[in-house]
N, C-alpha and C. Protein backbone atom coordinates (compact mmCIF):
# COMPACT_ATOMS: atom_id res chain seq x y z
N MET A 1 -15.53 -45.46 -24.91
CA MET A 1 -16.15 -44.16 -25.04
C MET A 1 -15.11 -43.23 -25.65
N LYS A 2 -15.33 -42.80 -26.86
CA LYS A 2 -14.39 -41.92 -27.53
C LYS A 2 -14.60 -40.49 -27.09
N ASN A 3 -13.56 -39.68 -27.27
CA ASN A 3 -13.55 -38.30 -26.81
C ASN A 3 -14.69 -37.51 -27.45
N ASN A 4 -15.54 -36.92 -26.64
CA ASN A 4 -16.62 -36.08 -27.10
C ASN A 4 -16.73 -34.91 -26.13
N ASN A 5 -17.82 -34.18 -26.19
CA ASN A 5 -17.96 -33.01 -25.31
C ASN A 5 -17.91 -33.36 -23.83
N ILE A 6 -18.35 -34.56 -23.47
CA ILE A 6 -18.34 -34.95 -22.07
C ILE A 6 -16.92 -35.31 -21.61
N THR A 7 -16.25 -36.19 -22.36
CA THR A 7 -14.93 -36.60 -21.92
C THR A 7 -13.92 -35.47 -22.02
N LYS A 8 -14.23 -34.43 -22.77
CA LYS A 8 -13.33 -33.28 -22.84
C LYS A 8 -13.23 -32.57 -21.50
N LYS A 9 -14.15 -32.82 -20.59
CA LYS A 9 -14.14 -32.18 -19.28
C LYS A 9 -13.56 -33.09 -18.19
N LEU A 10 -13.02 -34.24 -18.57
CA LEU A 10 -12.41 -35.17 -17.63
C LEU A 10 -10.89 -34.98 -17.67
N TYR A 11 -10.33 -34.40 -16.62
CA TYR A 11 -8.91 -34.06 -16.60
C TYR A 11 -8.15 -34.97 -15.64
N VAL A 12 -7.02 -35.51 -16.11
CA VAL A 12 -6.16 -36.34 -15.28
C VAL A 12 -5.00 -35.49 -14.77
N ILE A 13 -4.70 -35.66 -13.48
CA ILE A 13 -3.49 -35.11 -12.87
C ILE A 13 -2.70 -36.32 -12.41
N THR A 14 -1.51 -36.50 -12.97
CA THR A 14 -0.71 -37.69 -12.70
C THR A 14 0.72 -37.30 -12.35
N GLY A 15 1.56 -38.31 -12.18
CA GLY A 15 2.97 -38.12 -11.84
C GLY A 15 3.41 -39.19 -10.88
N GLY A 16 4.62 -39.08 -10.42
CA GLY A 16 5.14 -40.05 -9.46
C GLY A 16 4.60 -39.77 -8.07
N PRO A 17 4.86 -40.68 -7.14
CA PRO A 17 4.40 -40.46 -5.76
C PRO A 17 5.12 -39.27 -5.13
N GLY A 18 4.40 -38.57 -4.28
CA GLY A 18 4.99 -37.49 -3.49
C GLY A 18 5.29 -36.21 -4.23
N ALA A 19 4.67 -35.99 -5.38
CA ALA A 19 4.93 -34.78 -6.17
C ALA A 19 3.90 -33.68 -5.91
N GLY A 20 2.88 -33.96 -5.10
CA GLY A 20 1.88 -32.95 -4.77
C GLY A 20 0.55 -33.10 -5.48
N LYS A 21 0.29 -34.27 -6.09
CA LYS A 21 -0.97 -34.48 -6.81
C LYS A 21 -2.18 -34.33 -5.89
N THR A 22 -2.15 -35.02 -4.78
CA THR A 22 -3.30 -35.01 -3.87
C THR A 22 -3.51 -33.62 -3.28
N THR A 23 -2.45 -32.92 -2.97
CA THR A 23 -2.57 -31.55 -2.45
C THR A 23 -3.24 -30.67 -3.49
N LEU A 24 -2.85 -30.81 -4.75
CA LEU A 24 -3.45 -30.03 -5.83
C LEU A 24 -4.92 -30.40 -6.01
N ILE A 25 -5.22 -31.69 -6.02
CA ILE A 25 -6.62 -32.15 -6.15
C ILE A 25 -7.46 -31.62 -4.99
N ASN A 26 -6.93 -31.69 -3.78
CA ASN A 26 -7.67 -31.20 -2.62
C ASN A 26 -7.96 -29.71 -2.72
N GLU A 27 -7.02 -28.95 -3.24
CA GLU A 27 -7.23 -27.51 -3.40
C GLU A 27 -8.28 -27.24 -4.48
N LEU A 28 -8.24 -27.98 -5.57
CA LEU A 28 -9.28 -27.83 -6.60
C LEU A 28 -10.66 -28.15 -6.02
N ASN A 29 -10.72 -29.18 -5.19
CA ASN A 29 -11.98 -29.54 -4.54
C ASN A 29 -12.45 -28.45 -3.59
N ARG A 30 -11.52 -27.90 -2.82
CA ARG A 30 -11.85 -26.82 -1.89
C ARG A 30 -12.41 -25.60 -2.64
N LEU A 31 -11.96 -25.40 -3.86
CA LEU A 31 -12.44 -24.28 -4.67
C LEU A 31 -13.77 -24.57 -5.37
N GLY A 32 -14.30 -25.77 -5.15
CA GLY A 32 -15.62 -26.09 -5.68
C GLY A 32 -15.63 -26.99 -6.90
N PHE A 33 -14.48 -27.43 -7.35
CA PHE A 33 -14.43 -28.33 -8.50
C PHE A 33 -14.69 -29.76 -8.05
N THR A 34 -15.25 -30.56 -8.95
CA THR A 34 -15.47 -31.97 -8.68
C THR A 34 -14.15 -32.69 -8.89
N THR A 35 -13.79 -33.52 -7.94
CA THR A 35 -12.54 -34.26 -8.01
C THR A 35 -12.78 -35.74 -7.70
N ALA A 36 -11.89 -36.55 -8.23
CA ALA A 36 -11.91 -37.99 -7.95
C ALA A 36 -10.60 -38.34 -7.27
N PRO A 37 -10.65 -38.86 -6.05
CA PRO A 37 -9.41 -39.16 -5.32
C PRO A 37 -8.64 -40.32 -5.94
N GLU A 38 -7.37 -40.43 -5.56
CA GLU A 38 -6.54 -41.53 -6.02
C GLU A 38 -7.07 -42.85 -5.47
N GLU A 39 -7.24 -43.82 -6.34
CA GLU A 39 -7.76 -45.13 -5.94
C GLU A 39 -6.72 -45.95 -5.21
N GLY A 40 -5.45 -45.81 -5.58
CA GLY A 40 -4.40 -46.64 -4.99
C GLY A 40 -4.31 -46.51 -3.49
N ARG A 41 -4.32 -45.28 -2.98
CA ARG A 41 -4.22 -45.07 -1.53
C ARG A 41 -5.43 -45.66 -0.81
N ARG A 42 -6.61 -45.49 -1.39
CA ARG A 42 -7.82 -46.05 -0.78
C ARG A 42 -7.74 -47.58 -0.73
N ILE A 43 -7.29 -48.17 -1.83
CA ILE A 43 -7.17 -49.63 -1.89
C ILE A 43 -6.16 -50.13 -0.87
N ILE A 44 -5.04 -49.45 -0.75
CA ILE A 44 -4.03 -49.86 0.23
C ILE A 44 -4.61 -49.82 1.63
N LYS A 45 -5.34 -48.75 1.96
CA LYS A 45 -5.96 -48.65 3.29
C LYS A 45 -6.94 -49.80 3.52
N GLU A 46 -7.80 -50.07 2.51
CA GLU A 46 -8.77 -51.16 2.64
C GLU A 46 -8.09 -52.51 2.80
N GLN A 47 -7.04 -52.75 2.02
CA GLN A 47 -6.33 -54.02 2.09
C GLN A 47 -5.61 -54.18 3.42
N LEU A 48 -5.08 -53.09 3.96
CA LEU A 48 -4.44 -53.15 5.28
C LEU A 48 -5.45 -53.49 6.36
N LEU A 49 -6.63 -52.87 6.29
CA LEU A 49 -7.68 -53.11 7.29
C LEU A 49 -8.21 -54.54 7.23
N SER A 50 -8.27 -55.10 6.02
CA SER A 50 -8.85 -56.44 5.87
C SER A 50 -7.78 -57.54 5.79
N ASN A 51 -6.52 -57.16 6.01
CA ASN A 51 -5.40 -58.11 5.87
C ASN A 51 -5.41 -58.78 4.50
N GLY A 52 -5.74 -58.00 3.47
CA GLY A 52 -5.81 -58.51 2.11
C GLY A 52 -4.45 -58.63 1.45
N ASP A 53 -4.43 -59.35 0.32
CA ASP A 53 -3.19 -59.55 -0.43
C ASP A 53 -2.97 -58.50 -1.51
N GLY A 54 -3.96 -57.62 -1.73
CA GLY A 54 -3.88 -56.63 -2.80
C GLY A 54 -3.07 -55.41 -2.42
N LEU A 55 -1.87 -55.65 -1.95
CA LEU A 55 -0.96 -54.56 -1.57
C LEU A 55 0.25 -54.60 -2.49
N PRO A 56 0.77 -53.44 -2.88
CA PRO A 56 1.88 -53.44 -3.83
C PRO A 56 3.14 -54.13 -3.31
N TRP A 57 3.28 -54.27 -2.01
CA TRP A 57 4.45 -54.96 -1.47
C TRP A 57 4.17 -56.43 -1.18
N ILE A 58 2.91 -56.89 -1.46
CA ILE A 58 2.58 -58.31 -1.29
C ILE A 58 2.27 -58.96 -2.65
N ASN A 59 1.28 -58.40 -3.37
CA ASN A 59 0.91 -58.96 -4.67
C ASN A 59 0.56 -57.81 -5.63
N LYS A 60 1.53 -57.43 -6.43
CA LYS A 60 1.40 -56.29 -7.34
C LYS A 60 0.28 -56.50 -8.37
N GLU A 61 0.09 -57.73 -8.84
CA GLU A 61 -0.94 -57.99 -9.85
C GLU A 61 -2.34 -57.82 -9.28
N ILE A 62 -2.57 -58.33 -8.08
CA ILE A 62 -3.88 -58.14 -7.44
C ILE A 62 -4.11 -56.65 -7.20
N PHE A 63 -3.10 -55.97 -6.69
CA PHE A 63 -3.21 -54.53 -6.44
C PHE A 63 -3.56 -53.79 -7.73
N ALA A 64 -2.86 -54.10 -8.82
CA ALA A 64 -3.11 -53.43 -10.10
C ALA A 64 -4.54 -53.71 -10.59
N GLY A 65 -5.00 -54.94 -10.44
CA GLY A 65 -6.37 -55.26 -10.86
C GLY A 65 -7.40 -54.49 -10.07
N LEU A 66 -7.21 -54.40 -8.76
CA LEU A 66 -8.13 -53.62 -7.91
C LEU A 66 -8.10 -52.15 -8.29
N MET A 67 -6.90 -51.63 -8.55
CA MET A 67 -6.75 -50.23 -8.90
C MET A 67 -7.41 -49.94 -10.26
N PHE A 68 -7.20 -50.82 -11.22
CA PHE A 68 -7.79 -50.63 -12.55
C PHE A 68 -9.32 -50.65 -12.47
N ASP A 69 -9.86 -51.67 -11.80
CA ASP A 69 -11.32 -51.77 -11.69
C ASP A 69 -11.92 -50.54 -10.99
N ALA A 70 -11.26 -50.08 -9.94
CA ALA A 70 -11.75 -48.89 -9.22
C ALA A 70 -11.67 -47.65 -10.10
N SER A 71 -10.61 -47.53 -10.90
CA SER A 71 -10.46 -46.37 -11.79
C SER A 71 -11.53 -46.35 -12.87
N VAL A 72 -11.84 -47.52 -13.41
CA VAL A 72 -12.91 -47.62 -14.43
C VAL A 72 -14.25 -47.24 -13.80
N LYS A 73 -14.52 -47.75 -12.61
CA LYS A 73 -15.77 -47.44 -11.91
C LYS A 73 -15.89 -45.94 -11.66
N THR A 74 -14.82 -45.33 -11.17
CA THR A 74 -14.84 -43.89 -10.89
C THR A 74 -15.04 -43.10 -12.17
N PHE A 75 -14.35 -43.50 -13.25
CA PHE A 75 -14.52 -42.84 -14.55
C PHE A 75 -16.00 -42.83 -14.94
N ASN A 76 -16.63 -44.01 -14.86
CA ASN A 76 -18.04 -44.12 -15.24
C ASN A 76 -18.96 -43.29 -14.34
N GLU A 77 -18.63 -43.22 -13.06
CA GLU A 77 -19.43 -42.41 -12.13
C GLU A 77 -19.32 -40.92 -12.42
N MET A 78 -18.20 -40.49 -12.98
CA MET A 78 -17.98 -39.06 -13.22
C MET A 78 -18.52 -38.58 -14.57
N ILE A 79 -18.86 -39.49 -15.46
CA ILE A 79 -19.39 -39.09 -16.78
C ILE A 79 -20.60 -38.15 -16.66
N PRO A 80 -21.63 -38.49 -15.87
CA PRO A 80 -22.78 -37.57 -15.78
C PRO A 80 -22.40 -36.19 -15.23
N ILE A 81 -21.49 -36.15 -14.29
CA ILE A 81 -21.08 -34.88 -13.69
C ILE A 81 -20.33 -34.04 -14.70
N SER A 82 -19.52 -34.69 -15.55
CA SER A 82 -18.69 -33.95 -16.51
C SER A 82 -19.52 -33.29 -17.60
N GLY A 83 -20.80 -33.66 -17.71
CA GLY A 83 -21.68 -32.95 -18.63
C GLY A 83 -22.02 -31.56 -18.13
N ILE A 84 -21.78 -31.33 -16.84
CA ILE A 84 -22.12 -30.07 -16.20
C ILE A 84 -20.87 -29.24 -15.91
N GLN A 85 -19.81 -29.89 -15.45
CA GLN A 85 -18.61 -29.17 -15.02
C GLN A 85 -17.37 -30.04 -15.20
N PRO A 86 -16.19 -29.44 -15.17
CA PRO A 86 -14.96 -30.24 -15.27
C PRO A 86 -14.80 -31.14 -14.04
N VAL A 87 -14.13 -32.27 -14.27
CA VAL A 87 -13.81 -33.21 -13.21
C VAL A 87 -12.30 -33.45 -13.26
N PHE A 88 -11.66 -33.41 -12.10
CA PHE A 88 -10.22 -33.63 -12.00
C PHE A 88 -9.96 -34.96 -11.28
N PHE A 89 -9.19 -35.83 -11.91
CA PHE A 89 -8.87 -37.15 -11.37
C PHE A 89 -7.45 -37.15 -10.81
N ASP A 90 -7.29 -37.65 -9.60
CA ASP A 90 -5.99 -37.90 -9.00
C ASP A 90 -5.54 -39.25 -9.55
N ARG A 91 -4.89 -39.23 -10.69
CA ARG A 91 -4.48 -40.38 -11.49
C ARG A 91 -5.64 -40.87 -12.34
N GLY A 92 -5.30 -41.49 -13.46
CA GLY A 92 -6.30 -42.00 -14.38
C GLY A 92 -6.13 -43.50 -14.62
N ILE A 93 -6.95 -44.02 -15.49
CA ILE A 93 -6.95 -45.44 -15.82
C ILE A 93 -5.57 -45.88 -16.32
N LEU A 94 -4.92 -45.04 -17.11
CA LEU A 94 -3.62 -45.40 -17.66
C LEU A 94 -2.53 -45.51 -16.60
N ASP A 95 -2.73 -44.92 -15.45
CA ASP A 95 -1.73 -45.03 -14.39
C ASP A 95 -1.53 -46.49 -13.98
N THR A 96 -2.59 -47.29 -14.05
CA THR A 96 -2.44 -48.71 -13.71
C THR A 96 -1.58 -49.42 -14.74
N ILE A 97 -1.77 -49.10 -16.01
CA ILE A 97 -0.94 -49.70 -17.06
C ILE A 97 0.51 -49.26 -16.88
N GLY A 98 0.70 -48.00 -16.56
CA GLY A 98 2.04 -47.51 -16.28
C GLY A 98 2.67 -48.24 -15.10
N TYR A 99 1.87 -48.48 -14.07
CA TYR A 99 2.35 -49.20 -12.89
C TYR A 99 2.79 -50.62 -13.27
N LEU A 100 1.97 -51.32 -14.06
CA LEU A 100 2.31 -52.67 -14.47
C LEU A 100 3.62 -52.68 -15.27
N ARG A 101 3.76 -51.74 -16.17
CA ARG A 101 5.00 -51.66 -16.96
C ARG A 101 6.19 -51.35 -16.07
N LEU A 102 6.00 -50.44 -15.14
CA LEU A 102 7.06 -50.07 -14.21
C LEU A 102 7.54 -51.29 -13.44
N GLU A 103 6.60 -52.16 -13.07
CA GLU A 103 6.90 -53.37 -12.31
C GLU A 103 7.24 -54.56 -13.21
N GLU A 104 7.29 -54.32 -14.52
CA GLU A 104 7.60 -55.37 -15.51
C GLU A 104 6.65 -56.55 -15.43
N ILE A 105 5.36 -56.22 -15.28
CA ILE A 105 4.29 -57.22 -15.26
C ILE A 105 3.52 -57.06 -16.57
N PRO A 106 3.25 -58.16 -17.28
CA PRO A 106 2.52 -58.05 -18.54
C PRO A 106 1.15 -57.37 -18.33
N VAL A 107 0.81 -56.49 -19.26
CA VAL A 107 -0.46 -55.78 -19.21
C VAL A 107 -1.51 -56.63 -19.93
N PRO A 108 -2.59 -57.01 -19.24
CA PRO A 108 -3.64 -57.79 -19.91
C PRO A 108 -4.22 -57.03 -21.11
N ARG A 109 -4.45 -57.74 -22.20
CA ARG A 109 -4.97 -57.13 -23.43
C ARG A 109 -6.28 -56.38 -23.17
N GLN A 110 -7.18 -56.96 -22.39
CA GLN A 110 -8.46 -56.30 -22.13
C GLN A 110 -8.26 -54.98 -21.40
N MET A 111 -7.26 -54.90 -20.55
CA MET A 111 -6.97 -53.66 -19.85
C MET A 111 -6.55 -52.58 -20.85
N GLU A 112 -5.72 -52.95 -21.83
CA GLU A 112 -5.29 -52.00 -22.86
C GLU A 112 -6.48 -51.53 -23.70
N ILE A 113 -7.36 -52.46 -24.05
CA ILE A 113 -8.54 -52.11 -24.86
C ILE A 113 -9.43 -51.14 -24.08
N THR A 114 -9.71 -51.45 -22.83
CA THR A 114 -10.54 -50.58 -22.00
C THR A 114 -9.92 -49.20 -21.87
N ALA A 115 -8.62 -49.14 -21.66
CA ALA A 115 -7.93 -47.84 -21.50
C ALA A 115 -8.05 -47.00 -22.77
N ARG A 116 -8.05 -47.63 -23.93
CA ARG A 116 -8.20 -46.88 -25.19
C ARG A 116 -9.64 -46.41 -25.40
N GLU A 117 -10.59 -47.16 -24.88
CA GLU A 117 -12.00 -46.80 -25.05
C GLU A 117 -12.45 -45.70 -24.09
N MET A 118 -11.86 -45.63 -22.92
CA MET A 118 -12.29 -44.69 -21.89
C MET A 118 -11.33 -43.51 -21.87
N GLU A 119 -11.63 -42.50 -22.66
CA GLU A 119 -10.72 -41.37 -22.83
C GLU A 119 -11.06 -40.21 -21.92
N TYR A 120 -10.00 -39.53 -21.53
CA TYR A 120 -10.09 -38.28 -20.78
C TYR A 120 -9.82 -37.14 -21.76
N ASN A 121 -9.82 -35.92 -21.25
CA ASN A 121 -9.39 -34.78 -22.04
C ASN A 121 -7.98 -35.07 -22.54
N LYS A 122 -7.68 -34.67 -23.75
CA LYS A 122 -6.37 -34.96 -24.35
C LYS A 122 -5.22 -34.25 -23.65
N ASN A 123 -5.50 -33.21 -22.87
CA ASN A 123 -4.47 -32.55 -22.07
C ASN A 123 -4.41 -33.22 -20.71
N VAL A 124 -3.31 -33.88 -20.43
CA VAL A 124 -3.10 -34.54 -19.14
C VAL A 124 -2.03 -33.76 -18.40
N PHE A 125 -2.29 -33.44 -17.15
CA PHE A 125 -1.35 -32.69 -16.32
C PHE A 125 -0.48 -33.66 -15.53
N ILE A 126 0.83 -33.38 -15.53
CA ILE A 126 1.76 -34.25 -14.81
C ILE A 126 2.63 -33.40 -13.88
N LEU A 127 2.78 -33.88 -12.66
CA LEU A 127 3.62 -33.20 -11.69
C LEU A 127 4.98 -33.88 -11.65
N PRO A 128 6.05 -33.12 -11.82
CA PRO A 128 7.39 -33.72 -11.81
C PRO A 128 7.83 -34.07 -10.39
N PRO A 129 8.81 -34.95 -10.27
CA PRO A 129 9.35 -35.26 -8.95
C PRO A 129 9.84 -33.98 -8.28
N TRP A 130 9.64 -33.92 -6.97
CA TRP A 130 10.02 -32.72 -6.22
C TRP A 130 10.59 -33.19 -4.89
N LYS A 131 11.90 -33.34 -4.86
CA LYS A 131 12.60 -33.91 -3.71
C LYS A 131 12.27 -33.18 -2.41
N GLU A 132 12.13 -31.86 -2.47
CA GLU A 132 11.91 -31.06 -1.26
C GLU A 132 10.57 -31.34 -0.57
N ILE A 133 9.59 -31.83 -1.29
CA ILE A 133 8.28 -32.09 -0.67
C ILE A 133 7.98 -33.58 -0.52
N TYR A 134 8.86 -34.43 -1.05
CA TYR A 134 8.62 -35.87 -1.02
C TYR A 134 8.71 -36.43 0.40
N GLU A 135 7.69 -37.21 0.78
CA GLU A 135 7.68 -37.86 2.09
C GLU A 135 7.11 -39.27 1.97
N ASN A 136 7.66 -40.18 2.74
CA ASN A 136 7.10 -41.52 2.84
C ASN A 136 6.05 -41.53 3.96
N ASP A 137 5.10 -42.46 3.86
CA ASP A 137 4.11 -42.66 4.91
C ASP A 137 3.66 -44.12 4.87
N SER A 138 2.58 -44.43 5.58
CA SER A 138 2.16 -45.84 5.68
C SER A 138 1.71 -46.44 4.35
N GLU A 139 1.29 -45.60 3.39
CA GLU A 139 0.89 -46.11 2.07
C GLU A 139 1.94 -45.84 1.01
N ARG A 140 2.82 -44.89 1.23
CA ARG A 140 3.84 -44.54 0.24
C ARG A 140 5.19 -45.01 0.76
N LYS A 141 5.66 -46.11 0.19
CA LYS A 141 6.92 -46.69 0.66
C LYS A 141 8.03 -46.58 -0.38
N GLN A 142 7.75 -45.96 -1.54
CA GLN A 142 8.73 -45.88 -2.61
C GLN A 142 9.86 -44.90 -2.25
N THR A 143 11.01 -45.14 -2.87
CA THR A 143 12.14 -44.22 -2.71
C THR A 143 11.97 -43.04 -3.67
N GLN A 144 12.77 -42.01 -3.48
CA GLN A 144 12.77 -40.87 -4.39
C GLN A 144 13.12 -41.31 -5.82
N GLU A 145 14.03 -42.27 -5.94
CA GLU A 145 14.42 -42.77 -7.27
C GLU A 145 13.24 -43.47 -7.95
N VAL A 146 12.47 -44.23 -7.20
CA VAL A 146 11.28 -44.88 -7.76
C VAL A 146 10.26 -43.81 -8.17
N ALA A 147 10.12 -42.76 -7.37
CA ALA A 147 9.20 -41.67 -7.72
C ALA A 147 9.60 -41.04 -9.04
N GLU A 148 10.90 -40.85 -9.25
CA GLU A 148 11.38 -40.25 -10.51
C GLU A 148 11.12 -41.18 -11.68
N HIS A 149 11.37 -42.47 -11.50
CA HIS A 149 11.12 -43.45 -12.56
C HIS A 149 9.62 -43.54 -12.87
N THR A 150 8.79 -43.45 -11.83
CA THR A 150 7.34 -43.48 -12.03
C THR A 150 6.90 -42.29 -12.86
N PHE A 151 7.43 -41.11 -12.58
CA PHE A 151 7.13 -39.91 -13.36
C PHE A 151 7.43 -40.17 -14.84
N GLU A 152 8.61 -40.68 -15.12
CA GLU A 152 9.01 -40.94 -16.51
C GLU A 152 8.07 -41.95 -17.17
N CYS A 153 7.72 -42.98 -16.43
CA CYS A 153 6.83 -44.01 -16.96
C CYS A 153 5.44 -43.45 -17.27
N MET A 154 4.90 -42.64 -16.36
CA MET A 154 3.57 -42.06 -16.58
C MET A 154 3.59 -41.10 -17.77
N TYR A 155 4.65 -40.33 -17.87
CA TYR A 155 4.80 -39.41 -19.00
C TYR A 155 4.75 -40.20 -20.31
N GLU A 156 5.52 -41.29 -20.37
CA GLU A 156 5.60 -42.11 -21.59
C GLU A 156 4.27 -42.79 -21.90
N ILE A 157 3.60 -43.35 -20.91
CA ILE A 157 2.37 -44.10 -21.18
C ILE A 157 1.26 -43.18 -21.70
N TYR A 158 1.12 -41.99 -21.12
CA TYR A 158 0.09 -41.08 -21.61
C TYR A 158 0.42 -40.61 -23.03
N ARG A 159 1.69 -40.35 -23.32
CA ARG A 159 2.08 -39.96 -24.69
C ARG A 159 1.79 -41.10 -25.66
N GLU A 160 2.11 -42.31 -25.26
CA GLU A 160 1.88 -43.48 -26.11
C GLU A 160 0.40 -43.62 -26.48
N TYR A 161 -0.47 -43.27 -25.56
CA TYR A 161 -1.91 -43.38 -25.80
C TYR A 161 -2.50 -42.12 -26.43
N GLY A 162 -1.65 -41.21 -26.87
CA GLY A 162 -2.11 -40.05 -27.65
C GLY A 162 -2.47 -38.81 -26.86
N TYR A 163 -2.06 -38.73 -25.61
CA TYR A 163 -2.36 -37.56 -24.81
C TYR A 163 -1.25 -36.51 -24.91
N ASN A 164 -1.63 -35.27 -24.73
CA ASN A 164 -0.70 -34.15 -24.66
C ASN A 164 -0.35 -33.97 -23.18
N VAL A 165 0.86 -34.33 -22.80
CA VAL A 165 1.27 -34.30 -21.40
C VAL A 165 1.85 -32.92 -21.07
N ILE A 166 1.24 -32.25 -20.11
CA ILE A 166 1.63 -30.90 -19.72
C ILE A 166 2.22 -30.94 -18.32
N GLU A 167 3.50 -30.56 -18.21
CA GLU A 167 4.17 -30.57 -16.92
C GLU A 167 3.80 -29.33 -16.12
N ILE A 168 3.36 -29.55 -14.90
CA ILE A 168 2.99 -28.48 -13.98
C ILE A 168 4.26 -28.03 -13.26
N PRO A 169 4.53 -26.73 -13.21
CA PRO A 169 5.77 -26.27 -12.55
C PRO A 169 5.79 -26.53 -11.05
N ARG A 170 6.98 -26.57 -10.49
CA ARG A 170 7.19 -26.72 -9.04
C ARG A 170 7.03 -25.35 -8.40
N VAL A 171 5.80 -25.00 -8.10
CA VAL A 171 5.46 -23.72 -7.48
C VAL A 171 4.44 -23.98 -6.38
N THR A 172 3.94 -22.95 -5.73
CA THR A 172 2.96 -23.14 -4.65
C THR A 172 1.70 -23.81 -5.20
N VAL A 173 0.92 -24.39 -4.30
CA VAL A 173 -0.31 -25.05 -4.73
C VAL A 173 -1.27 -24.06 -5.38
N GLU A 174 -1.31 -22.84 -4.88
CA GLU A 174 -2.19 -21.82 -5.49
C GLU A 174 -1.75 -21.52 -6.92
N GLN A 175 -0.44 -21.44 -7.14
CA GLN A 175 0.08 -21.20 -8.48
C GLN A 175 -0.15 -22.40 -9.39
N ARG A 176 -0.08 -23.59 -8.82
CA ARG A 176 -0.37 -24.80 -9.61
C ARG A 176 -1.83 -24.81 -10.05
N VAL A 177 -2.72 -24.46 -9.14
CA VAL A 177 -4.15 -24.40 -9.49
C VAL A 177 -4.35 -23.40 -10.63
N ARG A 178 -3.77 -22.23 -10.51
CA ARG A 178 -3.91 -21.20 -11.56
C ARG A 178 -3.37 -21.73 -12.88
N PHE A 179 -2.23 -22.41 -12.83
CA PHE A 179 -1.64 -22.98 -14.05
C PHE A 179 -2.60 -23.95 -14.71
N VAL A 180 -3.16 -24.88 -13.93
CA VAL A 180 -4.10 -25.87 -14.47
C VAL A 180 -5.32 -25.18 -15.07
N LEU A 181 -5.92 -24.27 -14.32
CA LEU A 181 -7.15 -23.61 -14.79
C LEU A 181 -6.89 -22.74 -16.03
N ASN A 182 -5.74 -22.10 -16.09
CA ASN A 182 -5.41 -21.28 -17.25
C ASN A 182 -5.05 -22.12 -18.47
N THR A 183 -4.54 -23.32 -18.25
CA THR A 183 -4.09 -24.19 -19.35
C THR A 183 -5.23 -25.03 -19.91
N MET A 184 -6.19 -25.38 -19.08
CA MET A 184 -7.27 -26.25 -19.56
C MET A 184 -8.16 -25.52 -20.53
């Protein structure tokens, strides 16, 4: 699906773990915007509950496949809504490709083709690493250094696929929301 009036309303918010993406998405949702939650955290919770192998610390390839499929499904579900209003995604389809590259796992050709066909708005918002707010939890086990490397990887992958990557400043969540809404 090439960029048209509908995909122009599909906005990705990306970055490394622990930079405040979910907090920003939750605030946009609270303000009445349609949002799509991060698939990775949901998948990790499901895999933990079912004792599955699709966990990033057990089988990165299975995890990436589950994440990619879920991101494509969510993208398709949001297309009808984006004809009416903007939709904000907590990570996009390309985040899975970035994850595979970060882990030095070959990216399947079909995954690359699908990622090129399913376009978001050309302005992608990225949150930089923010040591002061970074926290580990049951789903986030990465170090601060991995979070910084993930940020760099996501920045590069979106640029490689032709997106304009816009860094969101390290300010309050309310100021971040204003920045996103004023920039889009």
